[in-house]
Protein backbone atom coordinates (compact mmCIF):
# COMPACT_ATOMS: atom_id res chain seq x y z
CA MET A 1 18.27 -60.22 33.29
CA SER A 2 18.26 -56.91 35.00
CA MET A 3 19.17 -55.24 37.85
CA TRP A 4 18.50 -52.16 40.49
CA TRP A 5 20.68 -50.03 43.46
CA SER A 6 19.11 -47.61 45.78
CA LEU A 7 20.57 -44.65 47.72
CA HIS A 8 19.41 -42.47 49.91
CA LEU A 9 21.95 -39.53 50.20
CA ARG A 10 22.27 -36.75 52.54
CA ARG A 11 21.21 -33.13 50.54
CA GLU A 12 25.49 -32.83 49.86
CA ALA A 13 27.00 -30.93 47.43
CA ALA A 14 29.32 -34.23 48.13
CA SER A 15 26.13 -36.35 46.46
CA VAL A 16 26.01 -35.57 43.31
CA PRO A 17 29.00 -36.73 41.93
CA LEU A 18 29.39 -39.76 44.22
CA ALA A 19 25.53 -41.01 42.60
CA ARG A 20 26.42 -40.12 39.27
CA ARG A 21 30.38 -42.35 40.04
CA PHE A 22 27.92 -44.98 41.20
CA LEU A 23 25.27 -44.60 38.63
CA LEU A 24 28.12 -44.95 35.84
CA GLY A 25 30.75 -47.50 37.57
CA THR A 26 27.39 -50.11 37.55
CA MET A 27 26.80 -48.78 33.09
CA GLU A 28 30.84 -50.10 32.40
CA THR A 29 30.18 -53.43 34.10
CA ALA A 30 26.68 -53.71 32.95
CA GLY A 31 28.18 -53.05 29.51
CA VAL A 32 26.02 -49.60 28.72
CA ASP A 33 27.09 -47.97 25.17
CA PRO A 34 29.47 -45.01 27.22
CA ASP A 35 28.15 -42.07 25.11
CA ILE A 36 24.29 -43.44 26.53
CA SER A 37 26.53 -43.48 30.01
CA TYR A 38 26.72 -39.92 29.82
CA ASP A 39 24.16 -38.79 28.59
CA LEU A 40 22.06 -40.51 31.88
CA SER A 41 24.98 -39.78 34.51
CA VAL A 42 24.55 -36.03 33.52
CA ALA A 43 20.77 -35.90 34.12
CA LEU A 44 21.30 -37.27 37.34
CA SER A 45 23.64 -35.06 38.60
CA GLU A 46 20.88 -32.32 37.52
CA ALA A 47 18.01 -33.74 39.98
CA CYS A 48 20.40 -34.50 41.99
CA ALA A 49 21.54 -31.10 42.38
CA ASN A 50 17.93 -29.69 41.94
CA ALA A 51 17.44 -32.01 45.54
CA VAL A 52 20.52 -31.11 47.11
CA GLU A 53 19.04 -27.62 46.66
CA HIS A 54 15.21 -27.95 46.72
CA GLY A 55 14.81 -31.00 48.25
CA GLY A 56 14.36 -29.76 51.88
CA ARG A 57 13.26 -26.39 52.04
CA ASP A 58 10.12 -25.31 53.70
CA ASP A 59 9.21 -21.88 52.75
CA ALA A 60 10.48 -19.21 50.97
CA ASP A 61 12.69 -18.08 53.21
CA GLY A 62 14.95 -20.84 52.82
CA VAL A 63 14.85 -22.79 56.39
CA ALA A 64 15.31 -26.43 55.84
CA GLY A 65 12.18 -28.27 57.35
CA HIS A 66 14.42 -30.66 59.68
CA GLU A 67 16.16 -27.55 60.73
CA ARG A 68 12.05 -26.10 61.90
CA SER A 69 11.40 -28.76 62.64
CA GLY A 70 14.01 -31.62 63.84
CA HIS A 71 12.42 -33.71 60.55
CA ALA A 72 15.02 -35.96 59.03
CA CYS A 73 14.49 -33.66 55.13
CA GLY A 74 18.28 -33.78 54.61
CA GLN A 75 18.44 -36.97 52.86
CA TYR A 76 17.20 -37.83 49.18
CA ARG A 77 17.04 -41.24 47.29
CA VAL A 78 18.17 -42.32 44.01
CA THR A 79 16.90 -45.79 42.67
CA ALA A 80 18.11 -46.76 39.21
CA TYR A 81 16.50 -50.12 37.15
CA LEU A 82 18.21 -51.82 34.69
CA ASP A 83 15.56 -53.95 32.85
CA GLY A 84 15.51 -55.62 29.26
CA GLU A 85 16.61 -52.42 27.22
CA LYS A 86 15.97 -49.39 29.16
CA CYS A 87 17.21 -47.70 32.36
CA ARG A 88 15.22 -45.76 34.53
CA ILE A 89 16.38 -43.73 36.81
CA GLU A 90 14.19 -41.93 39.68
CA VAL A 91 15.16 -39.27 42.69
CA ALA A 92 12.41 -38.26 44.91
CA ASP A 93 12.75 -36.09 48.18
CA SER A 94 11.08 -34.86 50.69
CA GLY A 95 10.60 -31.06 50.20
CA PRO A 96 8.06 -28.79 48.78
CA GLY A 97 7.55 -31.13 45.91
CA PHE A 98 6.95 -28.60 42.12
CA PRO A 99 4.09 -26.56 41.56
CA ALA A 100 0.55 -28.12 40.81
CA ARG A 101 0.93 -26.61 37.00
CA ARG A 102 4.20 -27.96 36.75
CA ALA A 103 3.21 -31.62 37.91
CA LEU A 104 3.23 -34.14 34.47
CA ARG A 105 4.90 -33.17 31.35
CA PRO A 106 4.43 -34.17 27.94
CA ALA A 107 6.74 -37.58 27.05
CA ALA A 108 9.39 -37.43 24.51
CA GLN A 109 9.63 -38.01 21.61
CA PRO A 110 10.05 -42.34 21.00
CA ALA A 111 13.46 -43.30 19.56
CA ALA A 112 14.10 -44.44 15.98
CA GLY A 113 12.45 -48.27 15.79
CA HIS A 114 11.10 -47.73 18.89
CA SER A 115 7.43 -48.29 19.42
CA ASP A 116 5.98 -47.24 23.36
CA GLN A 117 2.88 -45.99 24.27
CA GLN A 118 3.92 -43.64 27.09
CA SER A 119 6.70 -42.56 25.12
CA SER A 120 4.82 -41.47 22.65
CA ALA A 121 3.25 -38.18 22.58
CA VAL A 122 5.58 -35.75 21.49
CA ARG A 123 6.77 -32.30 22.84
CA PRO A 124 7.99 -29.12 21.67
CA PRO A 125 11.75 -28.37 22.31
CA CYS A 126 12.66 -27.30 25.93
CA ASP A 127 13.15 -23.55 23.79
CA ALA A 128 9.91 -23.58 22.90
CA PRO A 129 7.72 -21.34 25.63
CA PRO A 130 5.21 -23.79 25.98
CA ALA A 131 1.99 -22.85 28.76
CA TRP A 132 2.43 -25.91 30.67
CA THR A 133 6.47 -24.49 31.39
CA ALA A 134 8.09 -22.64 34.28
CA GLU A 135 9.26 -19.27 32.50
CA HIS A 136 13.13 -19.86 31.27
CA PRO A 137 16.16 -17.89 32.86
CA PRO A 138 17.98 -15.59 31.14
CA GLU A 139 20.46 -16.19 28.67
CA THR A 140 22.73 -15.05 30.95
CA ALA A 141 21.49 -16.96 34.42
CA GLU A 142 24.17 -19.51 35.60
CA SER A 143 21.35 -21.73 36.98
CA GLY A 144 17.76 -22.65 36.34
CA ARG A 145 18.38 -25.51 33.35
CA GLY A 146 18.77 -28.46 34.86
CA LEU A 147 14.74 -29.45 34.58
CA CYS A 148 15.35 -28.91 30.60
CA LEU A 149 18.21 -30.66 30.12
CA ILE A 150 16.79 -34.13 32.14
CA GLU A 151 14.02 -33.71 29.45
CA GLU A 152 16.72 -33.13 26.32
CA LEU A 153 18.98 -36.10 27.72
CA ALA A 154 16.18 -39.00 28.37
CA ASP A 155 13.57 -40.74 26.11
CA HIS A 156 10.59 -40.63 28.87
CA VAL A 157 10.55 -38.16 31.64
CA HIS A 158 8.40 -37.28 34.96
CA PHE A 159 8.15 -34.80 36.82
CA GLY A 160 5.38 -35.55 40.27
CA ASN A 161 4.49 -34.89 43.47
CA ARG A 162 4.64 -37.69 46.21
CA PRO A 163 2.10 -37.85 48.36
CA GLY A 164 2.69 -36.10 51.64
CA ARG A 165 5.73 -33.89 50.68
CA GLY A 166 8.17 -34.04 48.27
CA ALA A 167 9.00 -34.32 44.85
CA VAL A 168 10.56 -37.24 42.39
CA VAL A 169 11.39 -37.27 38.80
CA SER A 170 11.93 -40.53 36.95
CA PHE A 171 13.90 -40.56 33.59
CA ASP A 172 14.13 -43.14 31.30
CA LYS A 173 16.47 -44.47 28.52
CA ILE A 174 16.56 -46.84 25.61
CA LEU A 175 20.16 -48.91 26.50
CA LYS A 176 22.41 -49.90 22.99
CA TRP A 177 25.28 -52.27 24.89
CA ARG A 178 28.72 -52.34 23.60
CA GLU A 179 30.06 -55.50 22.77
CA GLY A 180 29.90 -58.35 24.47
CA ALA A 181 28.47 -56.21 27.49
CA LEU A 182 27.69 -58.70 30.46
CA LEU A 183 23.30 -58.17 30.42
CA MET A 184 23.19 -57.31 27.03
CA VAL A 185 19.80 -58.38 26.24
CA SER A 186 19.59 -61.54 23.65
């Protein structure tokens, strides 16, 4: 059995815990292992926080596009798919998107016993300074670690740009189920 849901949320701080609670409720009802649910909820919170913070800015002065042009840039979308043994979450906004060199990231190390061509590439640990990553913040910085955290919590991650305008963060995680779970794959 599979299921999916999509939320269209305002770019407000209060939307982040709302999305997280919605995901956790779905995972609890479906019977997903609490540790997996927690990892996914933290990754989702980071992606949503980035959409709220950066998802509608037009330029360096921080003026949001909807404030200047009247467009509805004050929203972002969260979509979650539970299908088979995997959960995929996608967060899309209408901001300026990622810089070109950051559009694609290598896939995460596949989970033990899982063979998937899309997630077979090994990426260096997040604290290593590979050529494809932006500068990491200083150790005392209070922000700037969200995308790195998503990479550590998920099995496969994609950072990209939507055609026209906006960033998309999507990530997958192999699911573990509680005993007697409603959606457990047979």
